[in-house]
Amino acid sequence: MRRFVPLLGAHVSAAGGVPNAPGRAAEIAATALQIFTKMGNRWAERECADEECAHFREALAATDVGATMAHDSYLINLASPNPVLRARSIESFTLELKRCAALGLDYLVSHPGNYMDERDAGIARNADAISEALAAAPGPTILCLETTVGSGTSLGATFDELSRIIEQVDVRYRDRLGICVDTCHVYSAGYDIVTDYEGVMQRFDDALGLDRLRVMHLNDSKTPFASKRDRHELIAEGSLGEAPFRSIMNDARLAAVPKVIETPKLDDAVATDTRMLTLLRSYVST
């Protein structure tokens, strides 16, 4: 099998300013990075000043990073039936897209919302909000809907449901949509990538098409298969083990898909992330 160099990295801190993130990615020898463009657990918004964007791009150019992405705020719920929360979510989401465009980020990863009342209504609200935000924030950044574990009223735990959201987004903006598959999430949602990796890949292709798979989050799970719980674990130290990660790292269909870890940082983020990325690279067959 021909060896390829994967786009592989981690979610890194932007503490002290977004321009600090590329240097942190370089510390762990990352070729992909994910950041928050603002605090992920607060509504406070901000714009990215021209000087900040220039410094970020300059710092990025000095690294080997070949793929960049942000994760949006965890407070955003585009499927909410509450008009106040939904309006605030759309505003925050639109500003997130604008910050990504200003920084020149390739992807924005976003969890589909929680429908709270009726699933079909929530899917429609989610799709309408995405259409509204993409219309208000033009640019090249690809929005990647992230697979979820399916707990409570969350949307996006099945490939078919993600497809339904995309199908209801305004056709003018569908080329700006992709999927982020999180290994912990899909396993916890009931997709057995441990014993049926090829079967799961086929189900994804049937529902969405592999061309929609634009980003992957590589995380093991602290909980058992189909637990519907989102608890990330270090690579090969949870219920997934090393097998699915070996499959992913050697899957030529995924060679161009950037992969980032969101595994626990333990006491030393640099040391832990470096160990995880070194382990993943060791899985690549020569």
Protein backbone atom coordinates (compact mmCIF):
# COMPACT_ATOMS: atom_id res chain seq x y z
CA MET A 1 0.00 0.00 0.00
CA ARG A 2 1.33 3.44 -0.92
CA ARG A 3 2.18 5.51 2.13
CA PHE A 4 0.50 8.91 2.41
CA VAL A 5 1.07 11.79 4.81
CA PRO A 6 -2.23 12.56 6.55
CA LEU A 7 -3.59 15.97 7.45
CA LEU A 8 -3.53 15.29 11.17
CA GLY A 9 -3.75 17.57 14.18
CA ALA A 10 -5.70 18.63 17.22
CA HIS A 11 -7.98 21.24 18.67
CA VAL A 12 -5.46 23.75 20.01
CA SER A 13 -5.84 26.67 22.35
CA ALA A 14 -6.22 30.21 21.01
CA ALA A 15 -5.55 31.70 24.45
CA GLY A 16 -3.89 35.07 24.18
CA GLY A 17 -5.23 35.55 20.66
CA VAL A 18 -5.95 33.47 17.57
CA PRO A 19 -2.48 34.21 16.08
CA ASN A 20 -0.99 32.08 18.89
CA ALA A 21 -2.76 28.93 17.71
CA PRO A 22 -0.52 28.04 14.72
CA GLY A 23 2.57 28.02 16.95
CA ARG A 24 0.84 25.61 19.30
CA ALA A 25 -0.04 23.39 16.36
CA ALA A 26 3.62 23.43 15.32
CA GLU A 27 4.65 22.33 18.84
CA ILE A 28 2.78 19.05 18.33
CA ALA A 29 3.90 18.63 14.69
CA ALA A 30 0.32 19.07 13.49
CA THR A 31 -0.61 19.38 9.83
CA ALA A 32 -4.21 20.34 10.67
CA LEU A 33 -5.63 22.50 13.42
CA GLN A 34 -8.96 23.34 14.99
CA ILE A 35 -9.65 26.37 17.18
CA PHE A 36 -12.39 28.41 18.78
CA THR A 37 -12.50 31.87 17.23
CA LYS A 38 -14.12 33.07 20.47
CA MET A 39 -14.91 31.51 23.84
CA GLY A 40 -16.98 28.43 23.07
CA ASN A 41 -19.15 28.57 26.18
CA ARG A 42 -20.08 32.28 26.13
CA TRP A 43 -22.38 34.39 23.97
CA ALA A 44 -19.96 37.32 23.88
CA GLU A 45 -19.19 38.03 20.22
CA ARG A 46 -16.28 39.72 18.53
CA GLU A 47 -14.93 40.61 15.12
CA CYS A 48 -11.52 39.61 13.83
CA ALA A 49 -9.54 42.76 13.15
CA ASP A 50 -7.49 42.99 9.95
CA GLU A 51 -4.24 43.05 11.95
CA GLU A 52 -5.25 39.91 13.86
CA CYS A 53 -6.10 38.08 10.64
CA ALA A 54 -2.82 39.11 9.05
CA HIS A 55 -0.84 37.90 12.07
CA PHE A 56 -2.74 34.60 12.07
CA ARG A 57 -2.02 33.98 8.40
CA GLU A 58 1.64 34.93 8.87
CA ALA A 59 2.00 32.53 11.81
CA LEU A 60 0.18 29.80 9.89
CA ALA A 61 2.49 30.16 6.90
CA ALA A 62 5.45 29.32 9.14
CA THR A 63 3.99 25.90 10.00
CA ASP A 64 3.25 22.65 8.16
CA VAL A 65 -0.49 23.04 8.75
CA GLY A 66 -2.41 22.33 5.56
CA ALA A 67 -6.02 22.39 6.84
CA THR A 68 -7.68 24.78 9.26
CA MET A 69 -11.06 24.75 11.00
CA ALA A 70 -13.02 26.29 13.82
CA HIS A 71 -15.64 24.76 16.07
CA ASP A 72 -18.62 26.98 16.73
CA SER A 73 -20.02 27.89 20.13
CA TYR A 74 -21.62 25.11 22.15
CA LEU A 75 -24.46 27.50 23.06
CA ILE A 76 -25.78 27.77 19.50
CA ASN A 77 -29.03 25.90 18.82
CA LEU A 78 -30.27 26.52 15.28
CA ALA A 79 -33.14 24.05 15.75
CA SER A 80 -34.61 25.68 18.84
CA PRO A 81 -38.36 26.39 18.84
CA ASN A 82 -37.71 29.31 21.23
CA PRO A 83 -37.71 32.41 19.01
CA VAL A 84 -35.34 34.37 21.26
CA LEU A 85 -32.74 31.57 21.52
CA ARG A 86 -33.05 30.77 17.83
CA ALA A 87 -32.52 34.40 16.78
CA ARG A 88 -29.51 34.69 19.08
CA SER A 89 -28.14 31.42 17.72
CA ILE A 90 -28.48 32.53 14.10
CA GLU A 91 -26.74 35.81 14.87
CA SER A 92 -23.88 34.04 16.67
CA PHE A 93 -23.59 31.42 13.94
CA THR A 94 -23.47 34.07 11.21
CA LEU A 95 -20.73 35.95 13.04
CA GLU A 96 -18.82 32.67 13.42
CA LEU A 97 -18.94 32.16 9.66
CA LYS A 98 -17.74 35.72 9.11
CA ARG A 99 -14.79 35.24 11.48
CA CYS A 100 -13.86 32.04 9.66
CA ALA A 101 -13.92 33.87 6.33
CA ALA A 102 -11.84 36.75 7.72
CA LEU A 103 -9.21 34.34 9.08
CA GLY A 104 -9.25 32.23 5.91
CA LEU A 105 -10.28 29.02 7.69
CA ASP A 106 -11.20 26.07 5.49
CA TYR A 107 -14.00 24.61 7.63
CA LEU A 108 -16.45 25.43 10.40
CA VAL A 109 -17.57 22.41 12.43
CA SER A 110 -21.02 22.68 14.00
CA HIS A 111 -23.28 20.36 16.01
CA PRO A 112 -26.82 20.19 14.61
CA GLY A 113 -29.29 21.63 17.10
CA ASN A 114 -31.74 20.24 19.63
CA TYR A 115 -35.31 20.20 18.35
CA MET A 116 -36.97 20.28 21.81
CA ASP A 117 -40.51 19.81 20.43
CA GLU A 118 -40.89 17.77 17.21
CA ARG A 119 -38.02 16.25 15.25
CA ASP A 120 -39.29 17.16 11.76
CA ALA A 121 -39.91 20.75 12.82
CA GLY A 122 -36.44 20.93 14.32
CA ILE A 123 -34.83 19.65 11.13
CA ALA A 124 -36.68 22.30 9.14
CA ARG A 125 -35.67 25.08 11.56
CA ASN A 126 -32.05 23.90 11.51
CA ALA A 127 -31.93 23.91 7.72
CA ASP A 128 -33.64 27.30 7.43
CA ALA A 129 -31.21 28.83 9.92
CA ILE A 130 -28.22 27.42 8.04
CA SER A 131 -29.57 28.87 4.79
CA GLU A 132 -30.08 32.27 6.42
CA ALA A 133 -26.58 32.32 7.91
CA LEU A 134 -24.81 31.18 4.73
CA ALA A 135 -26.68 33.84 2.76
CA ALA A 136 -25.56 36.52 5.22
CA ALA A 137 -21.94 35.31 5.39
CA PRO A 138 -20.60 34.55 1.90
CA GLY A 139 -17.15 33.05 1.59
CA PRO A 140 -15.25 29.84 0.88
CA THR A 141 -15.48 28.29 4.37
CA ILE A 142 -17.24 24.91 4.26
CA LEU A 143 -19.77 24.28 7.02
CA CYS A 144 -19.39 20.74 8.37
CA LEU A 145 -22.29 19.30 10.32
CA GLU A 146 -20.87 17.05 13.02
CA THR A 147 -22.29 13.63 13.82
CA THR A 148 -23.81 13.46 17.31
CA VAL A 149 -24.44 10.65 19.81
CA GLY A 150 -28.23 10.97 19.68
CA SER A 151 -28.92 11.82 23.30
CA GLY A 152 -32.09 13.65 24.27
CA THR A 153 -33.52 15.79 21.48
CA SER A 154 -30.26 16.31 19.59
CA LEU A 155 -30.28 16.08 15.81
CA GLY A 156 -27.63 14.53 13.59
CA ALA A 157 -27.03 11.11 15.15
CA THR A 158 -27.84 9.26 11.92
CA PHE A 159 -26.46 9.74 8.44
CA ASP A 160 -30.00 9.83 7.06
CA GLU A 161 -30.94 12.69 9.38
CA LEU A 162 -27.88 14.69 8.37
CA SER A 163 -28.87 14.10 4.76
CA ARG A 164 -32.37 15.40 5.51
CA ILE A 165 -30.96 18.61 6.96
CA ILE A 166 -28.75 19.17 3.91
CA GLU A 167 -31.64 18.45 1.53
CA GLN A 168 -33.70 21.19 3.18
CA VAL A 169 -30.95 23.83 3.00
CA ASP A 170 -31.42 26.32 0.16
CA VAL A 171 -29.98 24.68 -2.96
CA ARG A 172 -27.84 27.77 -3.60
CA TYR A 173 -25.73 26.99 -0.53
CA ARG A 174 -25.51 23.20 -0.48
CA ASP A 175 -22.07 23.22 -2.07
CA ARG A 176 -20.84 24.91 1.11
CA LEU A 177 -21.96 21.98 3.27
CA GLY A 178 -19.98 18.98 4.42
CA ILE A 179 -19.95 16.45 7.25
CA CYS A 180 -17.58 15.99 10.18
CA VAL A 181 -17.56 12.39 11.43
CA ASP A 182 -16.55 12.04 15.06
CA THR A 183 -15.48 8.48 15.85
CA CYS A 184 -16.64 8.59 19.47
CA HIS A 185 -19.98 10.06 18.43
CA VAL A 186 -20.80 7.60 15.64
CA TYR A 187 -19.84 4.61 17.79
CA SER A 188 -21.92 5.88 20.70
CA ALA A 189 -24.80 6.54 18.28
CA GLY A 190 -24.80 2.90 17.13
CA TYR A 191 -22.49 2.76 14.09
CA ASP A 192 -20.11 -0.12 14.77
CA ILE A 193 -16.86 1.08 13.25
CA VAL A 194 -15.00 -1.47 15.40
CA THR A 195 -16.35 -4.67 13.82
CA ASP A 196 -18.05 -3.31 10.68
CA TYR A 197 -15.92 -0.41 9.47
CA GLU A 198 -16.60 -1.01 5.77
CA GLY A 199 -20.29 -1.44 6.41
CA VAL A 200 -20.47 1.92 8.18
CA MET A 201 -18.53 3.60 5.39
CA GLN A 202 -20.98 2.17 2.88
CA ARG A 203 -23.93 3.44 4.90
CA PHE A 204 -22.37 6.90 4.95
CA ASP A 205 -21.78 6.80 1.20
CA ASP A 206 -25.34 5.63 0.53
CA ALA A 207 -26.90 8.38 2.66
CA LEU A 208 -24.59 11.32 2.01
CA GLY A 209 -21.89 10.45 -0.51
CA LEU A 210 -18.24 10.24 0.55
CA ASP A 211 -17.57 13.59 -1.11
CA ARG A 212 -19.50 15.19 1.78
CA LEU A 213 -17.01 13.82 4.34
CA ARG A 214 -14.73 16.83 4.75
CA VAL A 215 -13.43 16.57 8.36
CA MET A 216 -12.96 13.82 10.94
CA HIS A 217 -12.62 14.03 14.72
CA LEU A 218 -10.63 11.06 16.00
CA ASN A 219 -11.60 10.27 19.58
CA ASP A 220 -11.93 7.03 21.52
CA SER A 221 -14.90 6.62 23.88
CA LYS A 222 -15.14 6.16 27.63
CA THR A 223 -18.56 4.51 27.22
CA PRO A 224 -19.72 1.29 25.49
CA PHE A 225 -21.10 0.87 21.99
CA ALA A 226 -24.45 2.61 21.37
CA SER A 227 -24.33 4.30 24.78
CA LYS A 228 -25.75 7.60 23.46
CA ARG A 229 -23.17 9.35 25.63
CA ASP A 230 -20.44 11.76 24.53
CA ARG A 231 -17.36 10.97 26.61
CA HIS A 232 -14.06 11.24 24.75
CA GLU A 233 -11.09 9.05 25.63
CA LEU A 234 -7.45 8.82 24.55
CA ILE A 235 -6.83 6.94 21.30
CA ALA A 236 -6.87 3.14 21.75
CA GLU A 237 -7.62 3.48 25.48
CA GLY A 238 -11.41 3.29 25.30
CA SER A 239 -14.18 1.08 23.98
CA LEU A 240 -13.13 1.57 20.33
CA GLY A 241 -9.55 0.33 20.74
CA GLU A 242 -6.99 0.74 18.01
CA ALA A 243 -8.70 -1.17 15.15
CA PRO A 244 -10.96 1.56 13.72
CA PHE A 245 -8.17 4.12 13.93
CA ARG A 246 -5.87 1.83 11.96
CA SER A 247 -8.61 1.47 9.35
CA ILE A 248 -9.12 5.22 9.12
CA MET A 249 -5.43 6.05 8.93
CA ASN A 250 -4.93 3.57 6.06
CA ASP A 251 -8.12 4.33 4.13
CA ALA A 252 -7.01 5.93 0.85
CA ARG A 253 -10.52 7.35 0.41
CA LEU A 254 -9.83 9.53 3.46
CA ALA A 255 -6.30 10.58 2.57
CA ALA A 256 -7.30 14.17 1.83
CA VAL A 257 -9.71 14.46 4.77
CA PRO A 258 -8.20 16.45 7.67
CA LYS A 259 -8.36 14.60 10.98
CA VAL A 260 -8.13 16.27 14.38
CA ILE A 261 -8.18 14.86 17.89
CA GLU A 262 -10.28 16.24 20.75
CA THR A 263 -8.96 13.75 23.29
CA PRO A 264 -8.28 14.59 26.95
CA LYS A 265 -5.23 16.82 27.44
CA LEU A 266 -4.24 15.40 30.88
CA ASP A 267 -1.66 17.44 32.78
CA ASP A 268 0.45 18.39 29.76
CA ALA A 269 -1.47 19.23 26.58
CA VAL A 270 1.59 19.33 24.34
CA ALA A 271 2.95 16.00 25.56
CA THR A 272 -0.44 14.27 25.42
CA ASP A 273 -1.40 15.57 21.98
CA THR A 274 2.06 14.72 20.64
CA ARG A 275 1.74 11.16 21.99
CA MET A 276 -1.71 10.74 20.42
CA LEU A 277 -0.65 12.07 17.01
CA THR A 278 2.53 9.97 17.04
CA LEU A 279 0.43 6.90 17.80
CA LEU A 280 -2.01 7.64 14.96
CA ARG A 281 0.84 8.16 12.50
CA SER A 282 2.36 4.84 13.58
CA TYR A 283 -0.80 3.11 12.34
CA VAL A 284 -0.12 4.13 8.73
CA SER A 285 1.14 1.08 6.81
CA THR A 286 4.18 1.41 4.59
